[in-house]
Protein backbone atom coordinates (compact mmCIF):
# COMPACT_ATOMS: atom_id res chain seq x y z
CA MET A 1 251.52 114.77 247.22
CA THR A 2 250.63 113.62 243.74
CA LEU A 3 247.89 114.96 241.51
CA MET A 4 245.68 111.96 242.30
CA THR A 5 246.35 111.66 246.05
CA SER A 6 244.81 114.95 247.19
CA PRO A 7 241.59 114.70 245.14
CA ARG A 8 241.15 111.08 246.19
CA ILE A 9 241.53 111.87 249.90
CA VAL A 10 239.43 115.05 249.85
CA LEU A 11 236.60 113.90 247.61
CA PHE A 12 236.31 110.34 248.86
CA GLY A 13 236.23 111.54 252.47
CA MET A 14 233.59 114.16 251.74
CA PHE A 15 231.52 111.73 249.68
CA LEU A 16 231.54 109.15 252.48
CA SER A 17 230.60 111.82 255.03
CA GLU A 18 227.74 113.07 252.88
CA THR A 19 226.48 109.56 252.24
CA ALA A 20 226.50 108.70 255.95
CA ALA A 21 224.81 111.98 256.92
CA ALA A 22 222.08 111.98 254.26
CA PRO A 23 218.66 111.24 255.74
CA ALA A 24 216.75 108.24 254.45
CA SER A 25 213.52 110.23 254.50
CA GLY A 26 212.62 113.90 254.16
CA THR A 27 213.82 114.96 257.59
CA GLY A 28 215.90 117.89 256.34
CA GLY A 29 219.37 118.94 257.34
CA ARG A 30 222.38 120.98 256.37
CA ILE A 31 225.64 119.99 254.72
CA ILE A 32 228.40 122.58 254.53
CA PHE A 33 231.60 121.71 252.70
CA VAL A 34 234.78 123.75 253.10
CA SER A 35 236.66 124.46 249.91
CA ALA A 36 239.17 127.07 248.76
CA THR A 37 239.44 129.83 246.20
CA LEU A 38 242.64 128.89 244.41
CA HIS A 39 240.93 126.75 241.78
CA TYR A 40 239.06 129.76 240.38
CA THR A 41 242.27 131.21 238.94
CA GLY A 42 244.93 128.55 239.39
CA VAL A 43 247.98 128.75 241.62
CA PRO A 44 251.44 127.45 240.72
CA MET A 45 252.44 124.23 242.47
CA GLN A 46 248.89 123.73 243.81
CA THR A 47 247.31 121.76 240.94
CA HIS A 48 246.45 118.83 243.19
CA VAL A 49 244.60 121.10 245.62
CA GLY A 50 242.81 123.00 242.85
CA VAL A 51 241.52 119.78 241.32
CA ALA A 52 240.32 118.52 244.70
CA LYS A 53 238.57 121.77 245.63
CA ALA A 54 236.86 122.08 242.24
CA GLY A 55 235.57 118.58 242.89
CA VAL A 56 234.20 119.69 246.28
CA ASP A 57 232.18 122.43 244.56
CA ALA A 58 230.80 119.92 242.03
CA LEU A 59 230.02 117.40 244.78
CA SER A 60 228.07 120.01 246.72
CA ASN A 61 226.01 120.94 243.66
CA SER A 62 225.10 117.31 243.03
CA VAL A 63 224.20 116.78 246.68
CA ALA A 64 221.96 119.88 246.57
CA ILE A 65 220.05 118.41 243.63
CA GLU A 66 219.86 114.87 245.02
CA GLN A 67 219.08 115.71 248.65
CA GLY A 68 217.13 118.97 248.16
CA PRO A 69 213.79 117.18 247.81
CA LYS A 70 214.42 115.66 251.26
CA GLY A 71 214.84 119.13 252.78
CA VAL A 72 218.64 118.98 252.88
CA THR A 73 220.69 121.99 251.80
CA SER A 74 224.24 121.60 250.53
CA ASN A 75 226.55 124.58 250.33
CA VAL A 76 230.25 125.39 250.23
CA ILE A 77 232.25 127.96 252.13
CA ALA A 78 235.42 128.93 250.25
CA PRO A 79 237.08 131.36 252.64
CA GLY A 80 240.06 132.76 250.74
CA PRO A 81 242.94 134.03 252.89
CA ILE A 82 242.03 133.93 256.60
CA ALA A 83 244.39 135.52 259.12
CA GLY A 84 245.76 133.39 261.94
CA THR A 85 245.11 130.02 260.29
CA GLU A 86 247.72 127.33 259.84
CA GLY A 87 247.46 127.47 256.07
CA MET A 88 248.17 131.18 255.81
CA ASP A 89 250.82 131.08 258.54
CA ARG A 90 252.59 128.31 256.64
CA LEU A 91 252.08 129.53 253.07
CA ALA A 92 252.40 133.32 253.26
CA LYS A 93 255.52 135.21 254.17
CA ALA A 94 254.96 138.30 256.33
CA ASP A 95 255.96 140.81 253.61
CA THR A 96 253.88 139.01 250.97
CA ALA A 97 250.88 138.92 253.29
CA LYS A 98 251.07 142.63 254.04
CA ASN A 99 251.24 143.57 250.34
CA ALA A 100 248.50 141.11 249.38
CA ALA A 101 246.13 142.51 252.00
CA LYS A 102 246.45 145.96 250.39
CA LYS A 103 244.88 144.55 247.20
CA ILE A 104 241.76 143.36 249.02
CA PRO A 105 239.00 146.00 249.08
CA SER A 106 238.71 145.82 252.90
CA GLY A 107 242.50 146.11 253.15
CA ARG A 108 242.82 142.96 255.26
CA TRP A 109 242.45 139.21 255.27
CA GLY A 110 239.30 137.61 256.59
CA SER A 111 238.98 136.43 260.17
CA VAL A 112 238.03 133.04 261.58
CA LYS A 113 234.98 134.69 263.19
CA GLU A 114 233.74 135.90 259.80
CA ILE A 115 233.86 132.37 258.43
CA ALA A 116 232.10 131.13 261.58
CA ASP A 117 229.39 133.77 261.04
CA ALA A 118 228.83 132.53 257.46
CA THR A 119 228.55 128.99 258.83
CA VAL A 120 226.00 130.06 261.46
CA PHE A 121 223.95 131.79 258.75
CA LEU A 122 223.90 128.68 256.54
CA PHE A 123 222.87 126.51 259.50
CA SER A 124 220.19 128.96 260.67
CA ASP A 125 216.59 129.35 259.51
CA SER A 126 217.75 132.43 257.58
CA GLY A 127 219.69 130.06 255.31
CA ASN A 128 216.77 127.71 254.60
CA TYR A 129 216.49 128.64 250.92
CA VAL A 130 220.23 128.82 250.22
CA ASN A 131 221.10 125.58 248.45
CA GLY A 132 223.80 124.65 245.94
CA SER A 133 225.69 127.87 246.60
CA VAL A 134 229.32 128.73 247.23
CA VAL A 135 230.01 131.48 249.75
CA VAL A 136 233.31 132.82 248.50
CA GLY A 137 235.96 134.94 250.19
CA LYS A 138 236.60 136.31 246.72
CA TYR A 139 239.93 138.09 246.94
CA MET A 140 242.86 135.75 246.51
CA LEU A 141 246.26 135.90 248.13
CA GLN A 142 248.15 136.63 244.92
CA CYS A 143 246.04 139.44 243.53
CA SER A 144 242.62 140.93 243.30
CA HIS A 145 241.49 141.31 239.69
CA ALA A 146 239.07 144.05 240.70
CA THR A 147 241.72 146.25 242.27
CA SER A 148 245.00 145.45 240.55
CA GLY A 149 244.03 144.20 237.12
CA CYS A 150 246.65 141.45 237.06
CA SER A 151 246.00 138.23 235.22
CA THR A 152 246.37 134.65 236.35
CA ALA A 153 249.28 134.28 233.94
CA ASN A 154 251.04 137.18 235.64
CA MET A 155 250.31 135.67 239.06
CA GLY A 156 251.96 132.40 238.05
CA THR A 157 254.97 134.14 236.52
CA GLN A 158 255.36 136.37 239.57
CA TRP A 159 255.19 133.37 241.92
CA MET A 160 257.75 131.46 239.86
CA VAL A 161 260.17 134.41 239.88
CA GLU A 162 259.75 134.93 243.63
CA HIS A 163 260.40 131.25 244.33
CA GLY A 164 263.24 130.68 241.86
CA VAL A 165 261.29 128.29 239.64
CA ARG A 166 262.44 128.20 236.01
CA ARG A 167 260.61 126.91 232.99
CA GLU A 168 262.75 124.70 230.86
CA PRO A 169 262.68 125.53 227.12
């Protein structure tokens, strides 16, 4: 996947969906985009995904401003690492996952039910005033700044060492 392919697919698809779903009049509604957390710090070999997901956040903010007067809310759920999902099963090795979970304050990855609960909240009357927000599963796979103090530069270097990637001089 090239740098331009992922953003084009993700953003164009979400833009078309939002455009089709937007009400012509002030009938209200909810739009919830799903993003990720890796673009907040950067992850090696995931530039194309980071660019696309940052674009999702920006798209949601613009939609909130444009559609808010019609009663439409636009928010993003950026789950972070969620146990039992294809992405984490494919991307995280068992030993890496166990060590990474220790750096999360709750000591575990999120669950699919917890993301579903956030979705239900945003769709419910309790979420009426929430607009232009990102609900973030804050603690990343590689490290939690709050608990380990590592930097994004260290995360990238650590990943490169673990995966045998060398920087050419």
